[in-house]
C-alpha cells in the first residue's frame, strides 16, 4: 500500500519521506499518511489514526504529522531543510510506527499516557525510535538531524534542552553506527 500525502505540496518533502519509507518494508502493508499541518509545540510526530481500525492491531493505520515550519526565532520552512536532516527525521518517526505495530489499543493508550506523564518513559520511546531507524541504515541521517537541531543558530535553548534530555546524542548514535559497521564486517568475514 503506498504512502498517502495530505496537504504536502513540496516534492522535496515527499521525496525525503519516501526515501525513508522505502527502508521500512514492514510498514508497506499499512496505511501510512504523511500530513502537513500547523503545529505549535513540535516539528513532527507519529501516531495511530483514531479510526474504525484503531482497535484492530492488524489493520491499524498511522499518521506522521509534520509542521509547516520549525519554530526558530525566525521561522524556517520545513521543506527548506537539507535532505539528510529530513530523511533522518522521517526515519525516526517511522521508527515510532514500528514500535506501535505490536501494541494493542489498550497498549497504545498506556503508551500515550506514559509518554506524556513520565520522562523516563519518553526517553525510552525516543531512543527506541532512533534504534529502529539506525537498524534500517539511517544512522548518518539521524546524526545529521540531531546536529542540525542542536547546532542551528536561533533555535531556542529550551528546545535544545528538551532534545538533549529525551533523545540520543549525536555521539551515542555515532557509537551505535560504528558498532553496526563492525558487526557487518564480522559477518562478512564469516561468510
N, C-alpha and C. Protein backbone atom coordinates (compact mmCIF):
# COMPACT_ATOMS: atom_id res chain seq x y z
N UNK A 1 0.86 -1.17 0.00
CA UNK A 1 0.00 0.00 0.00
C UNK A 1 0.91 1.24 0.00
N UNK A 2 0.75 2.12 -0.96
CA UNK A 2 1.62 3.31 -0.99
C UNK A 2 1.28 4.30 0.12
N UNK A 3 2.27 5.07 0.49
CA UNK A 3 2.05 6.12 1.49
C UNK A 3 1.11 7.17 0.90
N UNK A 4 0.35 7.80 1.77
CA UNK A 4 -0.56 8.87 1.35
C UNK A 4 -0.01 10.21 1.83
N UNK A 5 -0.33 11.24 1.09
CA UNK A 5 0.08 12.59 1.46
C UNK A 5 -1.15 13.48 1.59
N UNK A 6 -1.20 14.23 2.70
CA UNK A 6 -2.27 15.21 2.91
C UNK A 6 -1.64 16.58 3.13
N UNK A 7 -2.03 17.51 2.31
CA UNK A 7 -1.57 18.91 2.42
C UNK A 7 -0.06 19.04 2.25
N UNK A 8 0.58 18.07 1.62
CA UNK A 8 2.03 18.13 1.38
C UNK A 8 2.22 18.55 -0.07
N UNK A 9 2.67 19.77 -0.27
CA UNK A 9 2.85 20.28 -1.62
C UNK A 9 4.29 20.20 -2.10
N UNK A 10 5.22 20.14 -1.18
CA UNK A 10 6.64 20.14 -1.52
C UNK A 10 7.09 18.77 -2.03
N UNK A 11 7.60 18.74 -3.25
CA UNK A 11 8.12 17.49 -3.80
C UNK A 11 9.37 17.04 -3.01
N UNK A 12 10.14 18.01 -2.51
CA UNK A 12 11.31 17.69 -1.69
C UNK A 12 10.90 16.93 -0.43
N UNK A 13 9.86 17.41 0.23
CA UNK A 13 9.36 16.77 1.44
C UNK A 13 8.86 15.35 1.12
N UNK A 14 8.10 15.21 0.06
CA UNK A 14 7.60 13.89 -0.34
C UNK A 14 8.76 12.93 -0.65
N UNK A 15 9.74 13.41 -1.41
CA UNK A 15 10.87 12.56 -1.79
C UNK A 15 11.67 12.12 -0.57
N UNK A 16 11.88 13.02 0.38
CA UNK A 16 12.62 12.66 1.61
C UNK A 16 11.84 11.64 2.43
N UNK A 17 10.54 11.82 2.51
CA UNK A 17 9.72 10.86 3.24
C UNK A 17 9.79 9.49 2.57
N UNK A 18 9.63 9.46 1.26
CA UNK A 18 9.64 8.18 0.53
C UNK A 18 11.00 7.49 0.62
N UNK A 19 12.07 8.27 0.67
CA UNK A 19 13.40 7.68 0.82
C UNK A 19 13.50 6.92 2.14
N UNK A 20 12.98 7.51 3.21
CA UNK A 20 12.98 6.81 4.50
C UNK A 20 11.99 5.65 4.48
N UNK A 21 10.81 5.89 3.99
CA UNK A 21 9.72 4.91 3.99
C UNK A 21 10.10 3.61 3.28
N UNK A 22 10.83 3.72 2.18
CA UNK A 22 11.17 2.50 1.42
C UNK A 22 12.02 1.52 2.22
N UNK A 23 12.70 1.99 3.25
CA UNK A 23 13.54 1.10 4.07
C UNK A 23 12.78 0.49 5.25
N UNK A 24 11.48 0.71 5.29
CA UNK A 24 10.63 0.14 6.33
C UNK A 24 9.57 -0.75 5.68
N UNK A 25 9.99 -1.84 5.02
CA UNK A 25 9.02 -2.66 4.27
C UNK A 25 7.90 -3.23 5.13
N UNK A 26 8.14 -3.40 6.40
CA UNK A 26 7.10 -3.91 7.30
C UNK A 26 5.89 -2.97 7.34
N UNK A 27 6.12 -1.70 7.00
CA UNK A 27 5.03 -0.72 7.03
C UNK A 27 4.28 -0.63 5.71
N UNK A 28 4.80 -1.25 4.66
CA UNK A 28 4.21 -1.08 3.33
C UNK A 28 2.81 -1.68 3.21
N UNK A 29 2.46 -2.61 4.07
CA UNK A 29 1.12 -3.20 4.05
C UNK A 29 0.14 -2.38 4.88
N UNK A 30 0.64 -1.33 5.53
CA UNK A 30 -0.19 -0.49 6.39
C UNK A 30 -0.52 0.82 5.69
N UNK A 31 -1.60 1.42 6.12
CA UNK A 31 -1.93 2.76 5.64
C UNK A 31 -1.11 3.73 6.48
N UNK A 32 -0.22 4.46 5.80
CA UNK A 32 0.62 5.47 6.44
C UNK A 32 0.33 6.80 5.75
N UNK A 33 -0.04 7.79 6.52
CA UNK A 33 -0.39 9.10 5.98
C UNK A 33 0.63 10.13 6.48
N UNK A 34 1.24 10.85 5.56
CA UNK A 34 2.07 11.99 5.94
C UNK A 34 1.20 13.22 5.77
N UNK A 35 0.99 13.93 6.87
CA UNK A 35 0.09 15.09 6.85
C UNK A 35 0.86 16.33 7.31
N UNK A 36 0.83 17.35 6.49
CA UNK A 36 1.45 18.61 6.86
C UNK A 36 0.37 19.53 7.42
N UNK A 37 0.66 20.10 8.58
CA UNK A 37 -0.32 20.97 9.23
C UNK A 37 0.39 21.87 10.23
N UNK A 38 -0.22 22.96 10.61
CA UNK A 38 0.39 23.81 11.64
C UNK A 38 0.43 23.07 12.98
N UNK A 39 1.58 23.13 13.63
CA UNK A 39 1.73 22.54 14.96
C UNK A 39 2.52 23.52 15.81
N UNK A 40 2.13 23.69 17.05
CA UNK A 40 2.76 24.71 17.90
C UNK A 40 3.98 24.22 18.66
N UNK A 41 3.96 23.01 19.17
CA UNK A 41 4.99 22.61 20.12
C UNK A 41 5.96 21.55 19.62
N UNK A 42 5.78 21.09 18.41
CA UNK A 42 6.66 20.07 17.88
C UNK A 42 6.79 20.23 16.37
N UNK A 43 7.80 19.62 15.82
CA UNK A 43 8.02 19.69 14.38
C UNK A 43 7.41 18.49 13.68
N UNK A 44 7.54 17.31 14.28
CA UNK A 44 6.95 16.08 13.73
C UNK A 44 6.51 15.19 14.87
N UNK A 45 5.51 14.36 14.57
CA UNK A 45 5.14 13.29 15.49
C UNK A 45 4.43 12.19 14.73
N UNK A 46 4.43 11.00 15.31
CA UNK A 46 3.78 9.83 14.72
C UNK A 46 2.73 9.34 15.69
N UNK A 47 1.58 8.94 15.14
CA UNK A 47 0.50 8.46 15.99
C UNK A 47 -0.43 7.55 15.20
N UNK A 48 -1.14 6.68 15.90
CA UNK A 48 -2.13 5.86 15.20
C UNK A 48 -3.31 6.75 14.82
N UNK A 49 -3.97 6.40 13.73
CA UNK A 49 -5.19 7.10 13.37
C UNK A 49 -6.32 6.57 14.25
N UNK A 50 -7.11 7.47 14.75
CA UNK A 50 -8.25 7.06 15.58
C UNK A 50 -9.44 6.86 14.65
N UNK A 51 -9.39 5.76 13.93
CA UNK A 51 -10.47 5.43 13.00
C UNK A 51 -11.08 4.10 13.42
N UNK A 52 -11.91 3.53 12.57
CA UNK A 52 -12.61 2.29 12.92
C UNK A 52 -11.67 1.11 13.12
N UNK A 53 -10.42 1.22 12.64
CA UNK A 53 -9.47 0.12 12.77
C UNK A 53 -8.50 0.29 13.94
N UNK A 54 -8.68 1.33 14.71
CA UNK A 54 -7.76 1.56 15.83
C UNK A 54 -7.67 0.34 16.74
N UNK A 55 -8.78 -0.32 16.97
CA UNK A 55 -8.80 -1.46 17.89
C UNK A 55 -8.36 -2.77 17.24
N UNK A 56 -8.16 -2.75 15.92
CA UNK A 56 -7.68 -3.94 15.20
C UNK A 56 -6.22 -3.74 14.86
N UNK A 57 -5.36 -4.25 15.69
CA UNK A 57 -3.92 -4.06 15.54
C UNK A 57 -3.45 -4.38 14.11
N UNK A 58 -3.97 -5.44 13.52
CA UNK A 58 -3.51 -5.87 12.20
C UNK A 58 -3.96 -4.94 11.07
N UNK A 59 -4.92 -4.07 11.34
CA UNK A 59 -5.41 -3.17 10.29
C UNK A 59 -5.26 -1.69 10.65
N UNK A 60 -4.63 -1.43 11.78
CA UNK A 60 -4.49 -0.05 12.26
C UNK A 60 -3.68 0.78 11.27
N UNK A 61 -4.08 2.03 11.10
CA UNK A 61 -3.39 2.99 10.24
C UNK A 61 -2.64 3.99 11.10
N UNK A 62 -1.66 4.66 10.48
CA UNK A 62 -0.82 5.59 11.22
C UNK A 62 -0.65 6.88 10.44
N UNK A 63 -0.42 7.95 11.19
CA UNK A 63 -0.20 9.26 10.58
C UNK A 63 1.08 9.84 11.14
N UNK A 64 1.86 10.43 10.26
CA UNK A 64 3.00 11.23 10.68
C UNK A 64 2.64 12.67 10.36
N UNK A 65 2.56 13.46 11.41
CA UNK A 65 2.28 14.89 11.26
C UNK A 65 3.59 15.63 11.12
N UNK A 66 3.64 16.55 10.19
CA UNK A 66 4.82 17.38 10.02
C UNK A 66 4.35 18.84 10.00
N UNK A 67 5.02 19.65 10.77
CA UNK A 67 4.68 21.07 10.86
C UNK A 67 5.03 21.78 9.56
N UNK A 68 4.45 22.92 9.38
CA UNK A 68 4.78 23.74 8.21
C UNK A 68 6.16 24.35 8.35
N UNK A 69 6.62 24.52 9.59
CA UNK A 69 7.92 25.15 9.80
C UNK A 69 8.50 24.73 11.13
N UNK A 70 9.81 24.98 11.28
CA UNK A 70 10.47 24.80 12.57
C UNK A 70 10.34 26.12 13.31
N UNK A 71 10.10 26.05 14.58
CA UNK A 71 9.88 27.25 15.37
C UNK A 71 11.20 27.80 15.90
N UNK A 72 11.93 28.41 15.00
CA UNK A 72 13.15 29.11 15.38
C UNK A 72 12.77 30.55 15.67
N UNK A 73 13.73 31.36 16.04
CA UNK A 73 13.42 32.78 16.26
C UNK A 73 12.82 33.38 14.99
N UNK A 74 13.33 32.93 13.87
CA UNK A 74 12.70 33.24 12.59
C UNK A 74 12.27 31.89 12.03
N UNK A 75 11.09 31.83 11.48
CA UNK A 75 10.56 30.55 11.03
C UNK A 75 11.34 30.01 9.85
N UNK A 76 11.64 28.73 9.88
CA UNK A 76 12.30 28.04 8.78
C UNK A 76 11.28 27.08 8.20
N UNK A 77 10.97 27.24 6.93
CA UNK A 77 10.03 26.32 6.30
C UNK A 77 10.61 24.92 6.32
N UNK A 78 9.79 23.97 6.72
CA UNK A 78 10.26 22.59 6.88
C UNK A 78 10.79 22.04 5.57
N UNK A 79 10.19 22.42 4.45
CA UNK A 79 10.63 21.88 3.17
C UNK A 79 11.97 22.46 2.71
N UNK A 80 12.50 23.43 3.46
CA UNK A 80 13.80 24.01 3.13
C UNK A 80 14.95 23.31 3.88
N UNK A 81 14.63 22.37 4.75
CA UNK A 81 15.67 21.66 5.48
C UNK A 81 16.45 20.77 4.52
N UNK A 82 17.74 20.55 4.81
CA UNK A 82 18.55 19.67 3.95
C UNK A 82 17.99 18.25 3.91
N UNK A 83 18.21 17.57 2.80
CA UNK A 83 17.70 16.22 2.61
C UNK A 83 18.10 15.26 3.73
N UNK A 84 19.39 15.18 4.13
CA UNK A 84 19.74 14.21 5.20
C UNK A 84 19.00 14.49 6.51
N UNK A 85 18.74 15.75 6.81
CA UNK A 85 18.03 16.12 8.04
C UNK A 85 16.59 15.61 7.97
N UNK A 86 15.92 15.88 6.87
CA UNK A 86 14.53 15.43 6.73
C UNK A 86 14.43 13.91 6.69
N UNK A 87 15.31 13.27 5.96
CA UNK A 87 15.27 11.80 5.86
C UNK A 87 15.49 11.19 7.25
N UNK A 88 16.45 11.71 8.00
CA UNK A 88 16.69 11.21 9.35
C UNK A 88 15.50 11.42 10.26
N UNK A 89 14.88 12.57 10.14
CA UNK A 89 13.71 12.89 10.97
C UNK A 89 12.56 11.95 10.64
N UNK A 90 12.32 11.74 9.33
CA UNK A 90 11.25 10.83 8.93
C UNK A 90 11.56 9.39 9.36
N UNK A 91 12.81 8.98 9.25
CA UNK A 91 13.19 7.63 9.67
C UNK A 91 12.92 7.46 11.17
N UNK A 92 13.22 8.48 11.96
CA UNK A 92 12.93 8.44 13.40
C UNK A 92 11.42 8.26 13.63
N UNK A 93 10.60 9.04 12.94
CA UNK A 93 9.15 8.95 13.13
C UNK A 93 8.63 7.59 12.67
N UNK A 94 9.16 7.06 11.58
CA UNK A 94 8.77 5.72 11.14
C UNK A 94 9.21 4.67 12.15
N UNK A 95 10.31 4.93 12.85
CA UNK A 95 10.74 4.06 13.95
C UNK A 95 9.69 4.00 15.04
N UNK A 96 9.04 5.13 15.32
CA UNK A 96 7.93 5.12 16.29
C UNK A 96 6.81 4.21 15.80
N UNK A 97 6.48 4.30 14.52
CA UNK A 97 5.40 3.47 13.98
C UNK A 97 5.75 1.99 14.12
N UNK A 98 7.00 1.62 13.84
CA UNK A 98 7.43 0.23 14.04
C UNK A 98 7.19 -0.19 15.49
N UNK A 99 7.50 0.71 16.42
CA UNK A 99 7.29 0.43 17.84
C UNK A 99 5.80 0.22 18.16
N UNK A 100 4.94 0.92 17.44
CA UNK A 100 3.50 0.82 17.72
C UNK A 100 2.85 -0.45 17.17
N UNK A 101 3.46 -1.09 16.19
CA UNK A 101 2.80 -2.17 15.46
C UNK A 101 2.27 -3.30 16.34
N UNK A 102 3.01 -3.68 17.35
CA UNK A 102 2.60 -4.82 18.17
C UNK A 102 1.85 -4.43 19.43
N UNK A 103 1.48 -3.19 19.52
CA UNK A 103 0.74 -2.73 20.71
C UNK A 103 -0.76 -2.86 20.47
N UNK A 104 -1.45 -3.36 21.46
CA UNK A 104 -2.91 -3.41 21.40
C UNK A 104 -3.44 -1.98 21.55
N UNK A 105 -4.74 -1.81 21.38
CA UNK A 105 -5.34 -0.49 21.57
C UNK A 105 -5.10 -0.01 23.01
N UNK A 106 -5.28 -0.90 23.98
CA UNK A 106 -5.02 -0.53 25.38
C UNK A 106 -3.54 -0.20 25.56
N UNK A 107 -2.66 -0.96 24.88
CA UNK A 107 -1.23 -0.69 24.95
C UNK A 107 -0.88 0.67 24.35
N UNK A 108 -1.58 1.06 23.29
CA UNK A 108 -1.34 2.38 22.69
C UNK A 108 -1.78 3.48 23.65
N UNK A 109 -2.88 3.27 24.32
CA UNK A 109 -3.37 4.27 25.28
C UNK A 109 -2.39 4.38 26.45
N UNK A 110 -1.92 3.23 26.95
CA UNK A 110 -0.90 3.26 28.02
C UNK A 110 0.37 3.95 27.54
N UNK A 111 0.77 3.67 26.29
CA UNK A 111 1.95 4.31 25.72
C UNK A 111 1.77 5.84 25.74
N UNK A 112 0.64 6.31 25.24
CA UNK A 112 0.39 7.76 25.20
C UNK A 112 0.44 8.39 26.58
N UNK A 113 -0.18 7.75 27.54
CA UNK A 113 -0.15 8.27 28.91
C UNK A 113 1.27 8.26 29.48
N UNK A 114 1.97 7.14 29.28
CA UNK A 114 3.34 7.05 29.78
C UNK A 114 4.25 8.09 29.15
N UNK A 115 4.06 8.31 27.85
CA UNK A 115 4.89 9.28 27.13
C UNK A 115 4.72 10.68 27.71
N UNK A 116 3.49 11.05 27.99
CA UNK A 116 3.24 12.42 28.46
C UNK A 116 3.44 12.59 29.96
N UNK A 117 3.37 11.52 30.72
CA UNK A 117 3.47 11.65 32.17
C UNK A 117 4.84 11.36 32.76
N UNK A 118 5.65 10.52 32.10
CA UNK A 118 6.89 10.06 32.70
C UNK A 118 8.08 10.32 31.80
N UNK A 119 9.02 11.13 32.27
CA UNK A 119 10.21 11.47 31.48
C UNK A 119 11.00 10.23 31.06
N UNK A 120 11.17 9.27 31.97
CA UNK A 120 11.93 8.07 31.63
C UNK A 120 11.26 7.27 30.52
N UNK A 121 9.94 7.22 30.54
CA UNK A 121 9.20 6.52 29.50
C UNK A 121 9.41 7.22 28.16
N UNK A 122 9.32 8.54 28.15
CA UNK A 122 9.52 9.31 26.92
C UNK A 122 10.93 9.09 26.38
N UNK A 123 11.93 9.13 27.26
CA UNK A 123 13.31 8.90 26.83
C UNK A 123 13.45 7.53 26.19
N UNK A 124 12.88 6.52 26.81
CA UNK A 124 12.95 5.17 26.25
C UNK A 124 12.28 5.08 24.89
N UNK A 125 11.14 5.72 24.72
CA UNK A 125 10.41 5.69 23.45
C UNK A 125 11.22 6.38 22.35
N UNK A 126 11.85 7.51 22.67
CA UNK A 126 12.63 8.24 21.67
C UNK A 126 13.89 7.47 21.29
N UNK A 127 14.52 6.86 22.25
CA UNK A 127 15.71 6.03 21.96
C UNK A 127 15.33 4.84 21.08
N UNK A 128 14.21 4.21 21.40
CA UNK A 128 13.77 3.05 20.63
C UNK A 128 13.50 3.45 19.17
N UNK A 129 12.88 4.61 18.94
CA UNK A 129 12.62 5.07 17.57
C UNK A 129 13.93 5.29 16.82
N UNK A 130 14.92 5.89 17.50
CA UNK A 130 16.23 6.07 16.87
C UNK A 130 16.87 4.73 16.54
N UNK A 131 16.79 3.78 17.45
CA UNK A 131 17.40 2.47 17.23
C UNK A 131 16.76 1.78 16.02
N UNK A 132 15.43 1.83 15.92
CA UNK A 132 14.77 1.23 14.75
C UNK A 132 15.25 1.89 13.46
N UNK A 133 15.45 3.20 13.47
CA UNK A 133 15.93 3.90 12.27
C UNK A 133 17.38 3.53 11.97
N UNK A 134 18.21 3.44 12.98
CA UNK A 134 19.62 3.08 12.80
C UNK A 134 19.73 1.66 12.24
N UNK A 135 18.91 0.75 12.77
CA UNK A 135 18.93 -0.64 12.28
C UNK A 135 18.56 -0.74 10.80
N UNK A 136 17.86 0.24 10.29
CA UNK A 136 17.47 0.24 8.88
C UNK A 136 18.40 1.08 8.02
N UNK A 137 19.57 1.46 8.60
CA UNK A 137 20.59 2.13 7.81
C UNK A 137 20.57 3.64 7.81
N UNK A 138 19.86 4.25 8.75
CA UNK A 138 19.75 5.70 8.76
C UNK A 138 20.57 6.37 9.87
N UNK A 139 21.60 5.71 10.33
CA UNK A 139 22.43 6.28 11.39
C UNK A 139 23.02 7.62 11.03
N UNK A 140 23.59 7.73 9.86
CA UNK A 140 24.22 9.00 9.44
C UNK A 140 23.18 10.12 9.35
N UNK A 141 22.00 9.80 8.85
CA UNK A 141 20.95 10.80 8.73
C UNK A 141 20.43 11.23 10.11
N UNK A 142 20.34 10.27 11.04
CA UNK A 142 19.92 10.61 12.41
C UNK A 142 20.94 11.57 13.03
N UNK A 143 22.22 11.30 12.80
CA UNK A 143 23.27 12.20 13.31
C UNK A 143 23.11 13.59 12.71
N UNK A 144 22.89 13.67 11.40
CA UNK A 144 22.70 14.96 10.74
C UNK A 144 21.51 15.72 11.32
N UNK A 145 20.44 15.00 11.56
CA UNK A 145 19.24 15.62 12.13
C UNK A 145 19.54 16.19 13.51
N UNK A 146 20.18 15.40 14.35
CA UNK A 146 20.48 15.86 15.71
C UNK A 146 21.45 17.04 15.71
N UNK A 147 22.46 16.97 14.87
CA UNK A 147 23.41 18.09 14.78
C UNK A 147 22.71 19.35 14.30
N UNK A 148 21.83 19.21 13.34
CA UNK A 148 21.11 20.38 12.83
C UNK A 148 20.28 21.01 13.95
N UNK A 149 19.57 20.19 14.68
CA UNK A 149 18.71 20.70 15.75
C UNK A 149 19.55 21.35 16.84
N UNK A 150 20.63 20.69 17.25
CA UNK A 150 21.41 21.18 18.38
C UNK A 150 22.35 22.33 18.03
N UNK A 151 22.75 22.43 16.76
CA UNK A 151 23.74 23.45 16.39
C UNK A 151 23.16 24.59 15.57
N UNK A 152 21.92 24.49 15.16
CA UNK A 152 21.31 25.51 14.32
C UNK A 152 21.18 26.82 15.10
N UNK A 153 21.77 27.86 14.56
CA UNK A 153 21.67 29.17 15.21
C UNK A 153 20.21 29.60 15.26
N UNK A 154 19.83 30.14 16.39
CA UNK A 154 18.47 30.66 16.51
C UNK A 154 17.49 29.69 17.14
N UNK A 155 17.89 28.45 17.34
CA UNK A 155 16.99 27.51 17.98
C UNK A 155 16.94 27.82 19.47
N UNK A 156 15.76 27.95 20.04
CA UNK A 156 15.67 28.30 21.46
C UNK A 156 16.36 27.27 22.35
N UNK A 157 17.04 27.74 23.38
CA UNK A 157 17.73 26.85 24.31
C UNK A 157 16.78 25.85 24.95
N UNK A 158 15.56 26.26 25.20
CA UNK A 158 14.55 25.39 25.80
C UNK A 158 14.31 24.16 24.91
N UNK A 159 14.25 24.38 23.61
CA UNK A 159 14.04 23.30 22.65
C UNK A 159 15.25 22.37 22.62
N UNK A 160 16.45 22.96 22.60
CA UNK A 160 17.67 22.15 22.60
C UNK A 160 17.77 21.31 23.87
N UNK A 161 17.42 21.88 25.00
CA UNK A 161 17.48 21.14 26.27
C UNK A 161 16.54 19.94 26.24
N UNK A 162 15.35 20.12 25.65
CA UNK A 162 14.40 19.02 25.55
C UNK A 162 14.97 17.90 24.67
N UNK A 163 15.62 18.28 23.59
CA UNK A 163 16.24 17.29 22.70
C UNK A 163 17.35 16.55 23.45
N UNK A 164 18.17 17.29 24.18
CA UNK A 164 19.27 16.67 24.93
C UNK A 164 18.75 15.76 26.03
N UNK A 165 17.61 16.11 26.63
CA UNK A 165 17.06 15.33 27.73
C UNK A 165 16.46 14.01 27.25
N UNK A 166 15.70 14.03 26.16
CA UNK A 166 14.92 12.86 25.76
C UNK A 166 15.53 12.01 24.65
N UNK A 167 16.43 12.56 23.88
CA UNK A 167 16.91 11.88 22.68
C UNK A 167 18.37 11.48 22.82
N UNK A 168 18.76 10.49 22.01
CA UNK A 168 20.16 10.08 21.95
C UNK A 168 20.99 11.24 21.41
N UNK A 169 22.21 11.39 21.91
CA UNK A 169 23.10 12.43 21.40
C UNK A 169 23.71 11.97 20.07
N UNK A 170 24.22 12.91 19.28
CA UNK A 170 24.92 12.51 18.04
C UNK A 170 26.07 11.54 18.32
N UNK A 171 26.77 11.73 19.43
CA UNK A 171 27.88 10.82 19.76
C UNK A 171 27.38 9.41 20.07
N UNK A 172 26.25 9.29 20.79
CA UNK A 172 25.69 7.96 21.07
C UNK A 172 25.29 7.27 19.77
N UNK A 173 24.67 8.03 18.87
CA UNK A 173 24.26 7.45 17.59
C UNK A 173 25.49 7.01 16.80
N UNK A 174 26.53 7.85 16.80
CA UNK A 174 27.76 7.51 16.06
C UNK A 174 28.36 6.21 16.60
N UNK A 175 28.36 6.03 17.92
CA UNK A 175 28.87 4.78 18.50
C UNK A 175 28.04 3.58 18.06
N UNK A 176 26.73 3.74 18.00
CA UNK A 176 25.87 2.65 17.53
C UNK A 176 26.15 2.32 16.07
N UNK A 177 26.34 3.35 15.26
CA UNK A 177 26.63 3.15 13.84
C UNK A 177 27.95 2.41 13.68
N UNK A 178 28.97 2.82 14.44
CA UNK A 178 30.26 2.14 14.38
C UNK A 178 30.13 0.67 14.78
N UNK A 179 29.36 0.40 15.81
CA UNK A 179 29.16 -0.97 16.26
C UNK A 179 28.44 -1.79 15.19
N UNK A 180 27.43 -1.20 14.56
CA UNK A 180 26.72 -1.89 13.47
C UNK A 180 27.68 -2.20 12.33
N UNK A 181 28.55 -1.24 11.99
CA UNK A 181 29.51 -1.46 10.91
C UNK A 181 30.50 -2.55 11.26
N UNK A 182 30.97 -2.58 12.53
CA UNK A 182 31.88 -3.64 12.97
C UNK A 182 31.20 -5.00 12.88
N UNK A 183 29.95 -5.06 13.29
CA UNK A 183 29.20 -6.32 13.23
C UNK A 183 29.03 -6.77 11.78
N UNK A 184 28.75 -5.84 10.88
CA UNK A 184 28.63 -6.18 9.46
C UNK A 184 29.95 -6.74 8.92
N UNK A 185 31.08 -6.14 9.33
CA UNK A 185 32.38 -6.64 8.90
C UNK A 185 32.63 -8.06 9.42
N UNK A 186 32.28 -8.29 10.68
CA UNK A 186 32.44 -9.64 11.25
C UNK A 186 31.62 -10.66 10.47
N UNK A 187 30.39 -10.30 10.14
CA UNK A 187 29.54 -11.21 9.38
C UNK A 187 30.09 -11.46 7.99
N UNK A 188 30.60 -10.41 7.35
CA UNK A 188 31.19 -10.56 6.00
C UNK A 188 32.38 -11.52 6.04
N UNK A 189 33.18 -11.42 7.07
CA UNK A 189 34.36 -12.29 7.19
C UNK A 189 33.95 -13.75 7.41
N UNK A 190 32.86 -13.95 8.12
CA UNK A 190 32.38 -15.32 8.37
C UNK A 190 31.80 -15.96 7.11
N UNK A 191 31.28 -15.15 6.24
CA UNK A 191 30.67 -15.69 5.03
C UNK A 191 31.73 -15.82 3.99
